[in-house]
Protein backbone atom coordinates (compact mmCIF):
# COMPACT_ATOMS: atom_id res chain seq x y z
CA VAL A 1 5.99 -13.18 -8.86
CA GLN A 2 6.16 -14.52 -4.88
CA LEU A 3 5.11 -12.43 -2.25
CA GLU A 4 5.58 -13.58 1.29
CA GLU A 5 3.98 -11.07 4.20
CA SER A 6 5.35 -11.10 7.77
CA GLY A 7 5.04 -8.72 10.40
CA GLY A 8 1.21 -9.05 11.54
CA GLY A 9 -0.10 -9.62 15.32
CA VAL A 10 -2.09 -8.25 18.03
CA VAL A 11 -1.96 -5.11 19.06
CA GLN A 12 -3.88 -2.48 21.67
CA ALA A 13 -5.37 0.87 20.00
CA GLY A 14 -3.04 3.63 19.55
CA GLY A 15 0.35 0.88 18.60
CA SER A 16 2.32 0.24 16.21
CA LEU A 17 2.95 -2.37 13.30
CA ARG A 18 5.64 -2.66 10.47
CA LEU A 19 4.36 -5.21 7.62
CA SER A 20 6.83 -6.63 5.50
CA CYS A 21 6.24 -8.37 1.49
CA VAL A 22 9.55 -9.92 0.42
CA PHE A 23 9.23 -10.40 -3.47
CA SER A 24 10.70 -13.52 -5.07
CA THR A 25 12.19 -11.47 -7.79
CA THR A 26 13.87 -8.17 -8.07
CA ILE A 27 11.18 -5.55 -8.11
CA HIS A 28 10.52 -4.60 -11.81
CA GLU A 29 10.60 -1.16 -13.22
CA ARG A 30 6.83 -1.47 -14.31
CA ASN A 31 5.80 -2.54 -11.07
CA VAL A 32 3.07 -1.18 -9.52
CA MET A 33 3.09 -2.48 -5.27
CA GLY A 34 0.54 -2.05 -2.65
CA TRP A 35 -0.84 -3.28 0.04
CA TYR A 36 -5.13 -4.01 0.74
CA ARG A 37 -6.86 -5.13 3.63
CA GLN A 38 -10.14 -7.93 4.18
CA ALA A 39 -12.08 -7.33 7.43
CA PRO A 40 -14.21 -10.17 8.07
CA GLY A 41 -17.41 -10.11 5.84
CA ARG A 42 -16.24 -7.00 3.80
CA LYS A 43 -14.52 -6.55 0.73
CA ARG A 44 -10.89 -6.42 0.12
CA GLU A 45 -9.88 -2.71 0.02
CA PHE A 46 -6.95 -0.63 -0.87
CA VAL A 47 -4.68 0.45 1.69
CA ALA A 48 -1.69 2.05 0.29
CA GLY A 49 0.44 1.75 -3.41
CA LEU A 50 3.82 2.80 -4.14
CA ALA A 51 4.61 2.89 -7.73
CA SER A 52 7.64 2.36 -9.66
CA ASN A 53 8.28 6.10 -10.22
CA GLY A 54 8.01 6.93 -6.51
CA ASN A 55 4.15 8.19 -6.65
CA ILE A 56 2.56 7.28 -3.46
CA ASN A 57 -1.03 6.70 -2.68
CA TYR A 58 -3.04 6.10 0.36
CA GLY A 59 -6.69 4.77 1.50
CA GLN A 60 -9.04 7.44 2.85
CA SER A 61 -9.11 5.78 6.09
CA VAL A 62 -5.21 5.22 6.73
CA GLU A 63 -3.97 8.65 5.31
CA GLY A 64 -1.66 10.22 7.84
CA ARG A 65 -1.31 7.15 10.04
CA PHE A 66 0.37 4.51 7.78
CA THR A 67 3.50 4.78 5.50
CA ILE A 68 4.42 2.62 2.54
CA SER A 69 7.94 2.22 1.49
CA ARG A 70 10.18 -0.10 -0.29
CA ASP A 71 13.73 -1.18 -0.07
CA ASP A 72 14.81 -2.39 -3.53
CA ALA A 73 18.31 -4.03 -2.22
CA LYS A 74 16.00 -6.11 -0.33
CA ASN A 75 13.35 -6.76 -2.69
CA THR A 76 11.00 -5.98 0.32
CA LEU A 77 7.73 -3.52 0.54
CA TYR A 78 7.18 -2.37 3.92
CA LEU A 79 3.89 -1.13 5.79
CA GLN A 80 4.35 1.09 8.73
CA MET A 81 1.08 1.40 10.45
CA ASN A 82 1.11 3.84 13.30
CA SER A 83 -2.06 5.07 15.58
CA LEU A 84 -3.60 1.71 14.99
CA LYS A 85 -7.61 1.56 15.41
CA PRO A 86 -9.81 -1.73 15.76
CA GLU A 87 -11.52 -0.83 12.31
CA ASP A 88 -7.94 -1.79 10.72
CA THR A 89 -8.16 -5.62 11.64
CA GLY A 90 -8.02 -7.68 9.33
CA VAL A 91 -5.84 -9.70 6.71
CA TYR A 92 -3.29 -7.13 5.11
CA TYR A 93 -1.99 -8.96 1.55
CA CYS A 94 0.47 -7.41 -0.51
CA ASN A 95 0.26 -6.87 -4.08
CA SER A 96 2.61 -6.53 -7.07
CA ARG A 97 0.53 -5.15 -10.50
CA LEU A 98 2.81 -5.64 -13.19
CA TYR A 99 2.13 -3.72 -16.29
CA THR A 100 2.64 -5.83 -20.16
CA SER A 101 1.34 -2.79 -21.88
CA PRO A 102 -1.09 0.45 -20.54
CA HIS A 103 -3.96 -1.49 -20.31
CA ASN A 104 -2.75 -4.81 -19.70
CA TRP A 105 -1.29 -6.17 -16.24
CA ASN A 106 -1.09 -8.88 -14.06
CA ASP A 107 -1.57 -8.88 -10.10
CA TYR A 108 0.05 -10.93 -7.78
CA TRP A 109 -1.20 -11.21 -4.23
CA GLY A 110 0.65 -12.80 -1.17
CA ARG A 111 -1.12 -14.79 1.42
CA GLY A 112 -1.82 -12.02 3.92
CA THR A 113 -1.12 -11.45 7.59
CA GLN A 114 -3.51 -10.98 10.24
CA VAL A 115 -3.63 -7.57 12.02
CA SER A 116 -5.74 -7.69 14.94
CA VAL A 117 -6.29 -4.11 17.18
CA SER A 118 -8.15 -4.36 20.39
CA SER A 119 -9.90 -1.11 22.25
């Protein structure tokens, strides 16, 4: 599975961006897809996740501002980011977790797209 992110850029605080992640294969029914981000000098952190059954989770710092969605016809995952803050700055990575059994999985990552929010 190959993932390719796009949509990053430079935006002022309060602005919006929409990230896209195109999958090289059909979104599999056992996939859990999500977005993570990594700021300079910090660990990669969870931003939002979307399971194949429709369950959605958000990181505490983005809940109410970011929205994750998918378009199966386009094999694409989205992240709509509103009310952006300088602390949202970082490289955003698309993730696909394919479960092979309840306790085993393979993670696939994109190369990331840079988001920079100026104050």
